[in-house]
Amino acid sequence: MLYLLTNWFIAALSLMIVAHVVSGFAVRSFGTALLASLVIGLVNATFGVILKVLTLPLTLVTFGLFLFVINALMLLVAASIVPGFQVEGFFPALLGAIILAVVSTVLRNLVFP
């Protein structure tokens, strides 16, 4: 249970960091980041899985880089659901998805070595 809560906190903290780095990517507060990270996880677990299966050939051809496009789409979907979480267009979402992956990986490796 503590592992799950820690991962949730790390995801929210990663969203806050990305919001400070990427223009066009905004999170109103840490509470909004917690809600947004929860919604991103739920969207990825449902709609994201379907998209990843349907685009598997394209993902294989691009050596997995197309997953960043799918993650950007998931960020846009989550931003349309969560008030206070805004992503203004596809390119901020794509840059946000890339930086979010790097930041959350670094933070998880710092917390769980």
N, C-alpha and C. Protein backbone atom coordinates (compact mmCIF):
# COMPACT_ATOMS: atom_id res chain seq x y z
N MET A 1 0.82 -1.20 0.00
CA MET A 1 0.00 0.00 0.00
C MET A 1 0.87 1.26 0.00
N LEU A 2 1.93 1.23 0.79
CA LEU A 2 2.83 2.37 0.84
C LEU A 2 3.52 2.57 -0.50
N TYR A 3 3.85 1.48 -1.18
CA TYR A 3 4.48 1.55 -2.50
C TYR A 3 3.54 2.25 -3.49
N LEU A 4 2.26 1.90 -3.46
CA LEU A 4 1.28 2.49 -4.36
C LEU A 4 1.12 3.99 -4.09
N LEU A 5 1.03 4.37 -2.82
CA LEU A 5 0.89 5.78 -2.47
C LEU A 5 2.14 6.57 -2.84
N THR A 6 3.30 5.96 -2.66
CA THR A 6 4.55 6.63 -3.02
C THR A 6 4.62 6.85 -4.52
N ASN A 7 4.23 5.85 -5.30
CA ASN A 7 4.21 6.00 -6.76
C ASN A 7 3.23 7.08 -7.20
N TRP A 8 2.10 7.17 -6.53
CA TRP A 8 1.11 8.20 -6.84
C TRP A 8 1.68 9.59 -6.55
N PHE A 9 2.35 9.73 -5.41
CA PHE A 9 2.98 10.99 -5.04
C PHE A 9 4.07 11.36 -6.05
N ILE A 10 4.87 10.39 -6.46
CA ILE A 10 5.93 10.64 -7.44
C ILE A 10 5.34 11.07 -8.78
N ALA A 11 4.24 10.45 -9.19
CA ALA A 11 3.60 10.83 -10.45
C ALA A 11 3.09 12.27 -10.38
N ALA A 12 2.49 12.64 -9.26
CA ALA A 12 2.00 14.01 -9.09
C ALA A 12 3.15 15.01 -9.06
N LEU A 13 4.21 14.67 -8.36
CA LEU A 13 5.38 15.54 -8.31
C LEU A 13 6.00 15.70 -9.69
N SER A 14 6.03 14.62 -10.46
CA SER A 14 6.54 14.68 -11.83
C SER A 14 5.70 15.60 -12.69
N LEU A 15 4.38 15.55 -12.53
CA LEU A 15 3.50 16.46 -13.26
C LEU A 15 3.78 17.91 -12.91
N MET A 16 4.02 18.18 -11.63
CA MET A 16 4.33 19.55 -11.21
C MET A 16 5.64 20.04 -11.84
N ILE A 17 6.64 19.18 -11.88
CA ILE A 17 7.92 19.53 -12.48
C ILE A 17 7.76 19.81 -13.97
N VAL A 18 7.01 18.96 -14.66
CA VAL A 18 6.79 19.14 -16.09
C VAL A 18 6.04 20.45 -16.35
N ALA A 19 5.10 20.78 -15.48
CA ALA A 19 4.34 22.03 -15.65
C ALA A 19 5.23 23.25 -15.54
N HIS A 20 6.31 23.15 -14.76
CA HIS A 20 7.24 24.27 -14.64
C HIS A 20 8.23 24.33 -15.81
N VAL A 21 8.43 23.23 -16.49
CA VAL A 21 9.42 23.17 -17.56
C VAL A 21 8.81 23.43 -18.94
N VAL A 22 7.63 22.89 -19.19
CA VAL A 22 7.02 22.95 -20.52
C VAL A 22 5.99 24.07 -20.57
N SER A 23 6.14 24.99 -21.51
CA SER A 23 5.12 26.02 -21.68
C SER A 23 3.93 25.40 -22.41
N GLY A 24 2.74 25.79 -22.02
CA GLY A 24 1.54 25.18 -22.57
C GLY A 24 1.07 24.00 -21.76
N PHE A 25 1.70 23.75 -20.64
CA PHE A 25 1.39 22.63 -19.76
C PHE A 25 1.23 23.24 -18.37
N ALA A 26 0.03 23.20 -17.80
CA ALA A 26 -0.21 23.89 -16.53
C ALA A 26 -0.97 23.00 -15.55
N VAL A 27 -0.54 23.05 -14.30
CA VAL A 27 -1.22 22.36 -13.20
C VAL A 27 -1.44 23.39 -12.11
N ARG A 28 -2.69 23.57 -11.69
CA ARG A 28 -3.03 24.63 -10.75
C ARG A 28 -2.42 24.43 -9.36
N SER A 29 -2.49 23.21 -8.81
CA SER A 29 -1.99 22.97 -7.46
C SER A 29 -1.54 21.52 -7.35
N PHE A 30 -0.95 21.19 -6.19
CA PHE A 30 -0.50 19.81 -6.00
C PHE A 30 -1.70 18.87 -5.89
N GLY A 31 -2.80 19.34 -5.33
CA GLY A 31 -4.02 18.53 -5.28
C GLY A 31 -4.53 18.22 -6.67
N THR A 32 -4.45 19.20 -7.55
CA THR A 32 -4.84 18.99 -8.95
C THR A 32 -3.89 17.98 -9.60
N ALA A 33 -2.61 18.06 -9.26
CA ALA A 33 -1.63 17.11 -9.81
C ALA A 33 -1.93 15.69 -9.32
N LEU A 34 -2.34 15.56 -8.07
CA LEU A 34 -2.71 14.23 -7.55
C LEU A 34 -3.91 13.67 -8.30
N LEU A 35 -4.93 14.51 -8.51
CA LEU A 35 -6.11 14.07 -9.25
C LEU A 35 -5.76 13.77 -10.70
N ALA A 36 -4.95 14.62 -11.32
CA ALA A 36 -4.56 14.41 -12.71
C ALA A 36 -3.75 13.13 -12.88
N SER A 37 -2.85 12.84 -11.95
CA SER A 37 -2.06 11.61 -12.07
C SER A 37 -2.95 10.38 -11.90
N LEU A 38 -3.97 10.49 -11.06
CA LEU A 38 -4.92 9.39 -10.90
C LEU A 38 -5.71 9.18 -12.20
N VAL A 39 -6.18 10.26 -12.78
CA VAL A 39 -6.95 10.18 -14.03
C VAL A 39 -6.07 9.68 -15.17
N ILE A 40 -4.83 10.15 -15.24
CA ILE A 40 -3.90 9.67 -16.27
C ILE A 40 -3.71 8.16 -16.14
N GLY A 41 -3.56 7.69 -14.93
CA GLY A 41 -3.41 6.25 -14.71
C GLY A 41 -4.64 5.47 -15.14
N LEU A 42 -5.82 5.98 -14.82
CA LEU A 42 -7.06 5.30 -15.21
C LEU A 42 -7.26 5.32 -16.72
N VAL A 43 -6.97 6.46 -17.34
CA VAL A 43 -7.11 6.56 -18.80
C VAL A 43 -6.12 5.63 -19.49
N ASN A 44 -4.89 5.57 -18.98
CA ASN A 44 -3.88 4.67 -19.54
C ASN A 44 -4.27 3.21 -19.37
N ALA A 45 -4.90 2.90 -18.25
CA ALA A 45 -5.27 1.51 -17.98
C ALA A 45 -6.47 1.05 -18.82
N THR A 46 -7.25 1.98 -19.34
CA THR A 46 -8.42 1.60 -20.13
C THR A 46 -8.21 1.93 -21.60
N PHE A 47 -8.36 3.18 -21.93
CA PHE A 47 -8.26 3.64 -23.31
C PHE A 47 -6.85 3.47 -23.87
N GLY A 48 -5.84 3.67 -23.03
CA GLY A 48 -4.45 3.56 -23.47
C GLY A 48 -4.08 2.15 -23.90
N VAL A 49 -4.60 1.17 -23.18
CA VAL A 49 -4.30 -0.22 -23.53
C VAL A 49 -4.86 -0.56 -24.91
N ILE A 50 -6.08 -0.10 -25.17
CA ILE A 50 -6.69 -0.35 -26.48
C ILE A 50 -5.87 0.29 -27.59
N LEU A 51 -5.46 1.55 -27.39
CA LEU A 51 -4.65 2.24 -28.40
C LEU A 51 -3.29 1.56 -28.60
N LYS A 52 -2.69 1.12 -27.52
CA LYS A 52 -1.38 0.47 -27.63
C LYS A 52 -1.47 -0.85 -28.40
N VAL A 53 -2.53 -1.59 -28.21
CA VAL A 53 -2.71 -2.84 -28.95
C VAL A 53 -2.98 -2.55 -30.43
N LEU A 54 -3.84 -1.56 -30.70
CA LEU A 54 -4.17 -1.25 -32.10
C LEU A 54 -2.99 -0.68 -32.87
N THR A 55 -2.10 0.02 -32.20
CA THR A 55 -0.97 0.65 -32.89
C THR A 55 0.33 -0.13 -32.69
N LEU A 56 0.23 -1.38 -32.29
CA LEU A 56 1.43 -2.19 -32.07
C LEU A 56 2.35 -2.26 -33.29
N PRO A 57 1.84 -2.47 -34.50
CA PRO A 57 2.77 -2.51 -35.65
C PRO A 57 3.54 -1.20 -35.83
N LEU A 58 2.86 -0.07 -35.67
CA LEU A 58 3.53 1.23 -35.80
C LEU A 58 4.54 1.43 -34.67
N THR A 59 4.20 0.97 -33.49
CA THR A 59 5.12 1.06 -32.36
C THR A 59 6.37 0.22 -32.61
N LEU A 60 6.21 -0.95 -33.19
CA LEU A 60 7.36 -1.80 -33.50
C LEU A 60 8.25 -1.17 -34.57
N VAL A 61 7.64 -0.57 -35.59
CA VAL A 61 8.40 0.05 -36.67
C VAL A 61 9.20 1.24 -36.15
N THR A 62 8.64 1.99 -35.20
CA THR A 62 9.32 3.17 -34.67
C THR A 62 10.15 2.84 -33.43
N PHE A 63 10.36 1.56 -33.18
CA PHE A 63 11.14 1.11 -32.03
C PHE A 63 10.62 1.65 -30.70
N GLY A 64 9.30 1.75 -30.59
CA GLY A 64 8.66 2.17 -29.35
C GLY A 64 8.46 3.65 -29.19
N LEU A 65 8.98 4.45 -30.11
CA LEU A 65 8.84 5.90 -29.98
C LEU A 65 7.39 6.37 -30.15
N PHE A 66 6.58 5.59 -30.86
CA PHE A 66 5.18 5.98 -31.03
C PHE A 66 4.43 5.95 -29.70
N LEU A 67 4.94 5.26 -28.71
CA LEU A 67 4.30 5.25 -27.39
C LEU A 67 4.26 6.65 -26.78
N PHE A 68 5.24 7.50 -27.13
CA PHE A 68 5.19 8.88 -26.65
C PHE A 68 4.00 9.62 -27.24
N VAL A 69 3.65 9.32 -28.48
CA VAL A 69 2.47 9.93 -29.11
C VAL A 69 1.21 9.47 -28.38
N ILE A 70 1.13 8.19 -28.07
CA ILE A 70 -0.02 7.68 -27.33
C ILE A 70 -0.09 8.31 -25.94
N ASN A 71 1.05 8.43 -25.27
CA ASN A 71 1.06 9.06 -23.95
C ASN A 71 0.66 10.53 -24.05
N ALA A 72 1.04 11.21 -25.12
CA ALA A 72 0.61 12.60 -25.31
C ALA A 72 -0.90 12.67 -25.47
N LEU A 73 -1.47 11.74 -26.21
CA LEU A 73 -2.92 11.70 -26.35
C LEU A 73 -3.60 11.44 -25.01
N MET A 74 -3.01 10.58 -24.20
CA MET A 74 -3.57 10.30 -22.87
C MET A 74 -3.51 11.55 -21.97
N LEU A 75 -2.44 12.33 -22.11
CA LEU A 75 -2.35 13.58 -21.36
C LEU A 75 -3.44 14.56 -21.81
N LEU A 76 -3.70 14.62 -23.11
CA LEU A 76 -4.75 15.50 -23.62
C LEU A 76 -6.13 15.07 -23.13
N VAL A 77 -6.37 13.77 -23.09
CA VAL A 77 -7.65 13.26 -22.59
C VAL A 77 -7.80 13.60 -21.11
N ALA A 78 -6.74 13.36 -20.33
CA ALA A 78 -6.80 13.66 -18.90
C ALA A 78 -6.99 15.15 -18.66
N ALA A 79 -6.36 15.98 -19.48
CA ALA A 79 -6.50 17.43 -19.32
C ALA A 79 -7.92 17.89 -19.63
N SER A 80 -8.61 17.18 -20.49
CA SER A 80 -9.99 17.54 -20.79
C SER A 80 -10.94 17.12 -19.67
N ILE A 81 -10.50 16.21 -18.82
CA ILE A 81 -11.35 15.71 -17.73
C ILE A 81 -11.11 16.47 -16.43
N VAL A 82 -9.86 16.75 -16.11
CA VAL A 82 -9.49 17.32 -14.81
C VAL A 82 -9.48 18.84 -14.88
N PRO A 83 -10.30 19.51 -14.07
CA PRO A 83 -10.24 20.97 -14.03
C PRO A 83 -8.95 21.42 -13.33
N GLY A 84 -8.31 22.43 -13.88
CA GLY A 84 -7.07 22.92 -13.31
C GLY A 84 -5.83 22.29 -13.91
N PHE A 85 -6.01 21.31 -14.78
CA PHE A 85 -4.91 20.67 -15.49
C PHE A 85 -5.11 20.97 -16.97
N GLN A 86 -4.17 21.73 -17.55
CA GLN A 86 -4.33 22.18 -18.93
C GLN A 86 -3.12 21.80 -19.76
N VAL A 87 -3.40 21.31 -20.94
CA VAL A 87 -2.37 21.07 -21.95
C VAL A 87 -2.86 21.74 -23.22
N GLU A 88 -2.11 22.71 -23.69
CA GLU A 88 -2.57 23.55 -24.81
C GLU A 88 -2.01 23.06 -26.14
N GLY A 89 -2.50 21.95 -26.61
CA GLY A 89 -2.10 21.47 -27.92
C GLY A 89 -1.31 20.18 -27.87
N PHE A 90 -1.09 19.64 -29.08
CA PHE A 90 -0.42 18.35 -29.17
C PHE A 90 1.07 18.43 -28.86
N PHE A 91 1.75 19.46 -29.35
CA PHE A 91 3.20 19.51 -29.15
C PHE A 91 3.60 19.73 -27.69
N PRO A 92 2.90 20.58 -26.93
CA PRO A 92 3.19 20.61 -25.49
C PRO A 92 2.89 19.27 -24.81
N ALA A 93 1.86 18.57 -25.29
CA ALA A 93 1.53 17.25 -24.73
C ALA A 93 2.64 16.25 -25.05
N LEU A 94 3.16 16.29 -26.29
CA LEU A 94 4.23 15.37 -26.67
C LEU A 94 5.51 15.65 -25.89
N LEU A 95 5.89 16.92 -25.80
CA LEU A 95 7.07 17.28 -25.01
C LEU A 95 6.85 16.95 -23.54
N GLY A 96 5.64 17.20 -23.05
CA GLY A 96 5.32 16.86 -21.67
C GLY A 96 5.38 15.37 -21.41
N ALA A 97 4.93 14.56 -22.37
CA ALA A 97 4.98 13.10 -22.21
C ALA A 97 6.42 12.60 -22.14
N ILE A 98 7.28 13.17 -22.97
CA ILE A 98 8.69 12.76 -22.97
C ILE A 98 9.36 13.15 -21.67
N ILE A 99 9.18 14.40 -21.26
CA ILE A 99 9.81 14.87 -20.03
C ILE A 99 9.21 14.18 -18.81
N LEU A 100 7.90 13.93 -18.84
CA LEU A 100 7.25 13.22 -17.74
C LEU A 100 7.82 11.82 -17.57
N ALA A 101 8.07 11.14 -18.67
CA ALA A 101 8.66 9.79 -18.60
C ALA A 101 10.05 9.84 -17.98
N VAL A 102 10.85 10.82 -18.38
CA VAL A 102 12.22 10.93 -17.86
C VAL A 102 12.20 11.31 -16.38
N VAL A 103 11.41 12.32 -16.04
CA VAL A 103 11.38 12.81 -14.65
C VAL A 103 10.85 11.73 -13.71
N SER A 104 9.76 11.07 -14.09
CA SER A 104 9.20 10.06 -13.20
C SER A 104 10.14 8.86 -13.06
N THR A 105 10.86 8.51 -14.12
CA THR A 105 11.84 7.42 -14.02
C THR A 105 12.97 7.79 -13.08
N VAL A 106 13.48 9.01 -13.20
CA VAL A 106 14.57 9.46 -12.32
C VAL A 106 14.10 9.48 -10.87
N LEU A 107 12.91 10.04 -10.62
CA LEU A 107 12.41 10.10 -9.24
C LEU A 107 12.15 8.70 -8.67
N ARG A 108 11.59 7.82 -9.47
CA ARG A 108 11.36 6.45 -8.97
C ARG A 108 12.68 5.75 -8.67
N ASN A 109 13.70 5.97 -9.48
CA ASN A 109 14.99 5.34 -9.22
C ASN A 109 15.69 5.96 -8.00
N LEU A 110 15.38 7.21 -7.69
CA LEU A 110 15.93 7.81 -6.47
C LEU A 110 15.24 7.27 -5.22
N VAL A 111 13.93 7.08 -5.32
CA VAL A 111 13.17 6.63 -4.16
C VAL A 111 13.27 5.11 -3.97
N PHE A 112 13.22 4.37 -5.06
CA PHE A 112 13.29 2.91 -5.02
C PHE A 112 14.54 2.42 -5.75
N PRO A 113 15.70 2.49 -5.11
CA PRO A 113 16.95 2.10 -5.81
C PRO A 113 17.04 0.62 -6.09
